[in-house]
Structures are given as structure tokens and as C-alpha cells.
Amino acid sequence: MMSKKRKQSPSGLVLILYGGPGSGKSTQAEILTRKLKAPQLNMGEALRQLTQKRTPSARELREILARGKLAPLAVSREIVKDFFRQHYSEPLLVIDGYPRSIPQAQTLSSLARKYRKRVLFVFLDLPIRVAVDRLVKRAREEGRADDQPKAIAERLRIFKREAKKLFAFFGGQERVRVSGQGSVDEVNKRLESLLKKTGRL
């Protein structure tokens, strides 16, 4: 009689920091990756780097992002697949700015299963008015094209449309809501407390 194949246990954690524009997810991801020496994928930054190339596809992507739209699925898929291929052996992976839609979430979940990673979806919850104030300030200081008024409005529209769907997608123990209000240090303490409960700190 053939024995049943034993199910392998997860070999690490994928920490997803999700939130609307201006929620501080990239800042918190950078802090956590420094403290925990974990690889980080900042999808927004990765996409912006692609737009610097002098190719027609880079120009098209630049125009898409400037309007506040989501990047083409194929583009973001290749970035996240490459990230997993490079860092699959690490016990902790930190991702911010991805996923932003259900098709993207399905891609990530498929990769997590392939590399036997558990997923923890952390929703940095922040009132829209606070997020807008932060984005306006960032636009003055950094001059990012996707922080202009029309792009901000479109990004917030997409976020409000997709947030509930994504929170539902990562059901059960795979998701948690953390307040994004307060100082950078205050939010970081909340995240560190959460990670201590998972045994990652």
C-alpha cells in the first residue's frame, strides 16, 4: 500500500504591508527590513525604476503611473516573481505596495505556495483625510508625479475599490488590521508587537 505524501510545512513568512497612498507602508517596511535584515520589495519604487529606462514600454508605464493607474499585471508579476526567485530561502520577506488588486493577490498567493511561505497581510488603516494631507506634503517635498492632485484622486479611488476585496481575500489568520495613525515610531511599535506574536521578533 502506498503511503500518503506528507504535506510540507511553511518554510518562512511573507509580510505584506498594505495600505492606501500615504499610509506609511514603505517607511515601515524599510524600518522592519533594517531591524530584521530581511529582503524588501517596494513595488512602487521598483516600478519607478523601470520608468527611467529609455524605451517605449518605459514611457508607457511612466504615463500610466502618472495618471494614478495600476501597472500592467504582467509587469508587476515579473517583478514579484523575480523577488521570490532571488530570496526564496530567506525566513522573512517584506513586501509593500503589492498586491493592489485580486489578480495581483492571486499571483502572490501562488508564489507563496510554490515556495512554501506563509502570508501575513497587514492592513495599515488610515483615514482618507490624513492620507491626503500626507500626500500633499510629500508632493511638495519630493515632487513625485503620482502625488499630483488628479493622480492622488485616482489612486484613492482604486484603493477604496480594492481594499475590501483584498482584505476578504486574505481571510482567517492571514490578515490583521493595524492603525497607521500617529508617529512613525508609534506605528512601528504596533508592527513590532504584532511580529513578536508571530515569533519573528
C-alpha atoms as a PDB file:
ATOM      1  CA  MET A   1       0.000   0.000   0.000  1.00  0.00           C
ATOM      2  CA  MET A   2       1.413   3.368  -0.983  1.00  0.00           C
ATOM      3  CA  SER A   3       1.904   5.859   1.840  1.00  0.00           C
ATOM      4  CA  LYS A   4       0.283   9.234   1.565  1.00  0.00           C
ATOM      5  CA  LYS A   5       2.589  12.098   0.684  1.00  0.00           C
ATOM      6  CA  ARG A   6       3.210  14.199   3.768  1.00  0.00           C
ATOM      7  CA  LYS A   7       2.266  17.854   3.486  1.00  0.00           C
ATOM      8  CA  GLN A   8       5.289  20.093   3.948  1.00  0.00           C
ATOM      9  CA  SER A   9       5.081  22.880   6.493  1.00  0.00           C
ATOM     10  CA  PRO A  10       5.731  26.519   5.525  1.00  0.00           C
ATOM     11  CA  SER A  11       9.407  27.497   5.384  1.00  0.00           C
ATOM     12  CA  GLY A  12       9.027  31.210   6.061  1.00  0.00           C
ATOM     13  CA  LEU A  13       6.778  34.232   6.214  1.00  0.00           C
ATOM     14  CA  VAL A  14       5.794  36.818   3.619  1.00  0.00           C
ATOM     15  CA  LEU A  15       4.824  40.017   5.413  1.00  0.00           C
ATOM     16  CA  ILE A  16       2.631  42.230   3.242  1.00  0.00           C
ATOM     17  CA  LEU A  17       2.276  45.833   4.373  1.00  0.00           C
ATOM     18  CA  TYR A  18      -0.865  47.099   2.689  1.00  0.00           C
ATOM     19  CA  GLY A  19      -2.496  50.482   2.890  1.00  0.00           C
ATOM     20  CA  GLY A  20      -3.707  53.377   0.847  1.00  0.00           C
ATOM     21  CA  PRO A  21      -1.480  56.068  -0.635  1.00  0.00           C
ATOM     22  CA  GLY A  22       0.206  57.949   2.201  1.00  0.00           C
ATOM     23  CA  SER A  23      -0.362  55.227   4.798  1.00  0.00           C
ATOM     24  CA  GLY A  24       3.369  54.960   5.541  1.00  0.00           C
ATOM     25  CA  LYS A  25       3.741  51.353   4.431  1.00  0.00           C
ATOM     26  CA  SER A  26       7.042  51.904   2.613  1.00  0.00           C
ATOM     27  CA  THR A  27       8.543  53.764   5.571  1.00  0.00           C
ATOM     28  CA  GLN A  28       7.536  50.980   7.950  1.00  0.00           C
ATOM     29  CA  ALA A  29       8.783  48.303   5.556  1.00  0.00           C
ATOM     30  CA  GLU A  30      12.197  49.983   5.396  1.00  0.00           C
ATOM     31  CA  ILE A  31      12.434  50.142   9.200  1.00  0.00           C
ATOM     32  CA  LEU A  32      11.478  46.497   9.613  1.00  0.00           C
ATOM     33  CA  THR A  33      13.861  45.271   6.931  1.00  0.00           C
ATOM     34  CA  ARG A  34      16.751  47.132   8.558  1.00  0.00           C
ATOM     35  CA  LYS A  35      15.961  45.750  12.002  1.00  0.00           C
ATOM     36  CA  LEU A  36      15.272  42.200  10.857  1.00  0.00           C
ATOM     37  CA  LYS A  37      17.788  42.107   7.975  1.00  0.00           C
ATOM     38  CA  ALA A  38      15.032  40.857   5.671  1.00  0.00           C
ATOM     39  CA  PRO A  39      14.747  41.372   1.910  1.00  0.00           C
ATOM     40  CA  GLN A  40      12.194  44.024   0.918  1.00  0.00           C
ATOM     41  CA  LEU A  41      10.211  44.553  -2.251  1.00  0.00           C
ATOM     42  CA  ASN A  42       8.916  48.102  -2.610  1.00  0.00           C
ATOM     43  CA  MET A  43       6.749  47.665  -5.691  1.00  0.00           C
ATOM     44  CA  GLY A  44       6.227  51.388  -6.213  1.00  0.00           C
ATOM     45  CA  GLU A  45       9.955  52.057  -6.229  1.00  0.00           C
ATOM     46  CA  ALA A  46      10.620  49.068  -8.479  1.00  0.00           C
ATOM     47  CA  LEU A  47       8.102  50.387 -10.994  1.00  0.00           C
ATOM     48  CA  ARG A  48       9.525  53.904 -10.843  1.00  0.00           C
ATOM     49  CA  GLN A  49      12.976  52.494 -11.603  1.00  0.00           C
ATOM     50  CA  LEU A  50      11.576  50.792 -14.690  1.00  0.00           C
ATOM     51  CA  THR A  51      10.209  54.109 -15.930  1.00  0.00           C
ATOM     52  CA  GLN A  52      13.742  55.537 -16.045  1.00  0.00           C
ATOM     53  CA  LYS A  53      14.675  53.333 -19.000  1.00  0.00           C
ATOM     54  CA  ARG A  54      14.649  54.917 -22.443  1.00  0.00           C
ATOM     55  CA  THR A  55      12.248  52.514 -24.104  1.00  0.00           C
ATOM     56  CA  PRO A  56       8.671  52.819 -25.426  1.00  0.00           C
ATOM     57  CA  SER A  57       7.406  50.426 -22.742  1.00  0.00           C
ATOM     58  CA  ALA A  58       9.062  52.507 -20.012  1.00  0.00           C
ATOM     59  CA  ARG A  59       7.468  55.668 -21.389  1.00  0.00           C
ATOM     60  CA  GLU A  60       4.062  53.966 -21.464  1.00  0.00           C
ATOM     61  CA  LEU A  61       4.496  52.759 -17.887  1.00  0.00           C
ATOM     62  CA  ARG A  62       5.526  56.250 -16.793  1.00  0.00           C
ATOM     63  CA  GLU A  63       2.335  57.684 -18.271  1.00  0.00           C
ATOM     64  CA  ILE A  64       0.195  55.010 -16.586  1.00  0.00           C
ATOM     65  CA  LEU A  65       1.698  55.682 -13.153  1.00  0.00           C
ATOM     66  CA  ALA A  66       1.460  59.457 -13.596  1.00  0.00           C
ATOM     67  CA  ARG A  67      -2.313  59.033 -14.039  1.00  0.00           C
ATOM     68  CA  GLY A  68      -2.528  57.057 -10.788  1.00  0.00           C
ATOM     69  CA  LYS A  69      -3.430  53.796 -12.531  1.00  0.00           C
ATOM     70  CA  LEU A  70      -2.220  50.311 -11.617  1.00  0.00           C
ATOM     71  CA  ALA A  71       0.760  48.989 -13.539  1.00  0.00           C
ATOM     72  CA  PRO A  72       0.014  46.255 -16.106  1.00  0.00           C
ATOM     73  CA  LEU A  73      -0.372  42.884 -14.428  1.00  0.00           C
ATOM     74  CA  ALA A  74       2.408  41.309 -16.489  1.00  0.00           C
ATOM     75  CA  VAL A  75       4.894  43.973 -15.378  1.00  0.00           C
ATOM     76  CA  SER A  76       4.229  43.665 -11.645  1.00  0.00           C
ATOM     77  CA  ARG A  77       4.069  39.872 -11.945  1.00  0.00           C
ATOM     78  CA  GLU A  78       7.605  39.651 -13.320  1.00  0.00           C
ATOM     79  CA  ILE A  79       8.927  41.925 -10.572  1.00  0.00           C
ATOM     80  CA  VAL A  80       7.417  39.878  -7.755  1.00  0.00           C
ATOM     81  CA  LYS A  81       8.398  36.557  -9.366  1.00  0.00           C
ATOM     82  CA  ASP A  82      11.996  37.753  -9.622  1.00  0.00           C
ATOM     83  CA  PHE A  83      11.920  38.837  -5.967  1.00  0.00           C
ATOM     84  CA  PHE A  84      10.804  35.371  -4.840  1.00  0.00           C
ATOM     85  CA  ARG A  85      13.385  33.655  -7.050  1.00  0.00           C
ATOM     86  CA  GLN A  86      16.186  35.732  -5.534  1.00  0.00           C
ATOM     87  CA  HIS A  87      15.144  35.448  -1.887  1.00  0.00           C
ATOM     88  CA  TYR A  88      13.093  32.238  -1.530  1.00  0.00           C
ATOM     89  CA  SER A  89      15.499  30.805   1.079  1.00  0.00           C
ATOM     90  CA  GLU A  90      15.072  33.744   3.482  1.00  0.00           C
ATOM     91  CA  PRO A  91      12.867  33.157   6.553  1.00  0.00           C
ATOM     92  CA  LEU A  92      11.140  36.541   6.179  1.00  0.00           C
ATOM     93  CA  LEU A  93      10.215  38.557   3.081  1.00  0.00           C
ATOM     94  CA  VAL A  94       8.716  42.048   3.358  1.00  0.00           C
ATOM     95  CA  ILE A  95       6.549  43.432   0.545  1.00  0.00           C
ATOM     96  CA  ASP A  96       4.869  46.821   0.317  1.00  0.00           C
ATOM     97  CA  GLY A  97       2.813  48.322  -2.479  1.00  0.00           C
ATOM     98  CA  TYR A  98       1.759  44.868  -3.683  1.00  0.00           C
ATOM     99  CA  PRO A  99      -0.763  43.355  -4.169  1.00  0.00           C
ATOM    100  CA  ARG A 100      -3.217  46.108  -5.089  1.00  0.00           C
ATOM    101  CA  SER A 101      -5.829  44.006  -6.871  1.00  0.00           C
ATOM    102  CA  ILE A 102      -7.262  40.487  -6.709  1.00  0.00           C
ATOM    103  CA  PRO A 103      -5.309  39.251  -9.774  1.00  0.00           C
ATOM    104  CA  GLN A 104      -2.109  40.500  -8.133  1.00  0.00           C
ATOM    105  CA  ALA A 105      -3.097  38.806  -4.865  1.00  0.00           C
ATOM    106  CA  GLN A 106      -3.656  35.547  -6.723  1.00  0.00           C
ATOM    107  CA  THR A 107      -0.178  35.815  -8.239  1.00  0.00           C
ATOM    108  CA  LEU A 108       1.389  36.394  -4.835  1.00  0.00           C
ATOM    109  CA  SER A 109      -0.545  33.560  -3.192  1.00  0.00           C
ATOM    110  CA  SER A 110       0.547  31.186  -5.945  1.00  0.00           C
ATOM    111  CA  LEU A 111       4.196  32.134  -5.413  1.00  0.00           C
ATOM    112  CA  ALA A 112       3.854  31.747  -1.644  1.00  0.00           C
ATOM    113  CA  ARG A 113       2.508  28.223  -2.111  1.00  0.00           C
ATOM    114  CA  LYS A 114       5.252  27.378  -4.600  1.00  0.00           C
ATOM    115  CA  TYR A 115       7.993  28.447  -2.174  1.00  0.00           C
ATOM    116  CA  ARG A 116       6.126  27.191   0.920  1.00  0.00           C
ATOM    117  CA  LYS A 117       5.724  30.591   2.541  1.00  0.00           C
ATOM    118  CA  ARG A 118       3.016  31.647   4.957  1.00  0.00           C
ATOM    119  CA  VAL A 119       1.421  35.024   4.166  1.00  0.00           C
ATOM    120  CA  LEU A 120       0.551  37.692   6.726  1.00  0.00           C
ATOM    121  CA  PHE A 121      -1.481  40.566   5.261  1.00  0.00           C
ATOM    122  CA  VAL A 122      -1.165  43.684   7.442  1.00  0.00           C
ATOM    123  CA  PHE A 123      -3.600  46.476   6.629  1.00  0.00           C
ATOM    124  CA  LEU A 124      -2.266  49.860   7.785  1.00  0.00           C
ATOM    125  CA  ASP A 125      -5.571  51.622   8.380  1.00  0.00           C
ATOM    126  CA  LEU A 126      -5.587  55.396   7.974  1.00  0.00           C
ATOM    127  CA  PRO A 127      -8.412  57.930   7.478  1.00  0.00           C
ATOM    128  CA  ILE A 128      -8.516  59.290   3.928  1.00  0.00           C
ATOM    129  CA  ARG A 129      -8.207  62.919   5.082  1.00  0.00           C
ATOM    130  CA  VAL A 130      -4.964  62.116   6.921  1.00  0.00           C
ATOM    131  CA  ALA A 131      -3.627  60.262   3.884  1.00  0.00           C
ATOM    132  CA  VAL A 132      -4.398  63.208   1.582  1.00  0.00           C
ATOM    133  CA  ASP A 133      -2.603  65.630   3.921  1.00  0.00           C
ATOM    134  CA  ARG A 134       0.471  63.391   3.888  1.00  0.00           C
ATOM    135  CA  LEU A 135       0.418  63.068   0.098  1.00  0.00           C
ATOM    136  CA  VAL A 136       0.120  66.819  -0.451  1.00  0.00           C
ATOM    137  CA  LYS A 137       3.096  67.355   1.857  1.00  0.00           C
ATOM    138  CA  ARG A 138       5.091  64.645   0.067  1.00  0.00           C
ATOM    139  CA  ALA A 139       4.305  66.198  -3.316  1.00  0.00           C
ATOM    140  CA  ARG A 140       5.830  69.483  -2.140  1.00  0.00           C
ATOM    141  CA  GLU A 141       8.921  67.796  -0.714  1.00  0.00           C
ATOM    142  CA  GLU A 142       9.624  65.091  -3.308  1.00  0.00           C
ATOM    143  CA  GLY A 143       7.772  66.182  -6.449  1.00  0.00           C
ATOM    144  CA  ARG A 144       6.559  62.695  -7.358  1.00  0.00           C
ATOM    145  CA  ALA A 145       4.371  62.616 -10.475  1.00  0.00           C
ATOM    146  CA  ASP A 146       1.854  60.262  -8.854  1.00  0.00           C
ATOM    147  CA  ASP A 147       1.353  62.690  -5.937  1.00  0.00           C
ATOM    148  CA  GLN A 148      -0.298  65.356  -8.090  1.00  0.00           C
ATOM    149  CA  PRO A 149      -3.996  66.103  -7.310  1.00  0.00           C
ATOM    150  CA  LYS A 150      -5.552  64.143 -10.205  1.00  0.00           C
ATOM    151  CA  ALA A 151      -3.260  61.157  -9.661  1.00  0.00           C
ATOM    152  CA  ILE A 152      -3.944  61.198  -5.903  1.00  0.00           C
ATOM    153  CA  ALA A 153      -7.703  61.147  -6.518  1.00  0.00           C
ATOM    154  CA  GLU A 154      -7.387  58.212  -8.922  1.00  0.00           C
ATOM    155  CA  ARG A 155      -5.095  56.240  -6.614  1.00  0.00           C
ATOM    156  CA  LEU A 156      -7.506  56.733  -3.707  1.00  0.00           C
ATOM    157  CA  ARG A 157     -10.437  55.705  -5.896  1.00  0.00           C
ATOM    158  CA  ILE A 158      -8.681  52.453  -6.829  1.00  0.00           C
ATOM    159  CA  PHE A 159      -7.648  51.845  -3.223  1.00  0.00           C
ATOM    160  CA  LYS A 160     -11.205  52.254  -1.891  1.00  0.00           C
ATOM    161  CA  ARG A 161     -12.494  49.926  -4.621  1.00  0.00           C
ATOM    162  CA  GLU A 162      -9.934  47.177  -3.990  1.00  0.00           C
ATOM    163  CA  ALA A 163      -9.289  47.358  -0.223  1.00  0.00           C
ATOM    164  CA  LYS A 164     -12.360  45.413   0.921  1.00  0.00           C
ATOM    165  CA  LYS A 165     -11.815  42.775  -1.747  1.00  0.00           C
ATOM    166  CA  LEU A 166      -8.188  42.252  -0.723  1.00  0.00           C
ATOM    167  CA  PHE A 167      -8.980  42.164   2.989  1.00  0.00           C
ATOM    168  CA  ALA A 168     -11.564  39.470   2.271  1.00  0.00           C
ATOM    169  CA  PHE A 169      -9.157  37.562   0.008  1.00  0.00           C
ATOM    170  CA  PHE A 170      -6.603  37.165   2.807  1.00  0.00           C
ATOM    171  CA  GLY A 171      -9.072  35.681   5.264  1.00  0.00           C
ATOM    172  CA  GLY A 172      -8.699  33.968   8.619  1.00  0.00           C
ATOM    173  CA  GLN A 173      -5.389  34.244  10.440  1.00  0.00           C
ATOM    174  CA  GLU A 174      -3.636  35.579   7.335  1.00  0.00           C
ATOM    175  CA  ARG A 175      -4.805  39.144   7.863  1.00  0.00           C
ATOM    176  CA  VAL A 176      -4.729  41.796  10.570  1.00  0.00           C
ATOM    177  CA  ARG A 177      -5.621  45.481  10.765  1.00  0.00           C
ATOM    178  CA  VAL A 178      -3.154  47.911  12.393  1.00  0.00           C
ATOM    179  CA  SER A 179      -3.729  51.624  12.923  1.00  0.00           C
ATOM    180  CA  GLY A 180      -1.483  53.763  10.724  1.00  0.00           C
ATOM    181  CA  GLN A 181      -2.182  56.929  12.707  1.00  0.00           C
ATOM    182  CA  GLY A 182       0.438  58.555  14.904  1.00  0.00           C
ATOM    183  CA  SER A 183       4.170  58.997  14.558  1.00  0.00           C
ATOM    184  CA  VAL A 184       6.446  56.658  12.635  1.00  0.00           C
ATOM    185  CA  ASP A 185       7.735  55.252  15.934  1.00  0.00           C
ATOM    186  CA  GLU A 186       4.235  54.653  17.279  1.00  0.00           C
ATOM    187  CA  VAL A 187       3.176  52.698  14.195  1.00  0.00           C
ATOM    188  CA  ASN A 188       6.427  50.760  14.213  1.00  0.00           C
ATOM    189  CA  LYS A 189       5.866  49.680  17.818  1.00  0.00           C
ATOM    190  CA  ARG A 190       2.461  48.304  16.837  1.00  0.00           C
ATOM    191  CA  LEU A 191       4.007  46.324  13.999  1.00  0.00           C
ATOM    192  CA  GLU A 192       6.827  45.003  16.166  1.00  0.00           C
ATOM    193  CA  SER A 193       4.285  43.882  18.758  1.00  0.00           C
ATOM    194  CA  LEU A 194       2.430  42.017  16.032  1.00  0.00           C
ATOM    195  CA  LEU A 195       5.605  40.335  14.779  1.00  0.00           C
ATOM    196  CA  LYS A 196       6.539  39.264  18.298  1.00  0.00           C
ATOM    197  CA  LYS A 197       3.266  37.342  18.428  1.00  0.00           C
ATOM    198  CA  THR A 198       4.244  35.518  15.232  1.00  0.00           C
ATOM    199  CA  GLY A 199       7.688  34.669  16.650  1.00  0.00           C
ATOM    200  CA  ARG A 200       9.526  36.883  14.120  1.00  0.00           C
ATOM    201  CA  LEU A 201      10.991  39.243  16.741  1.00  0.00           C
END
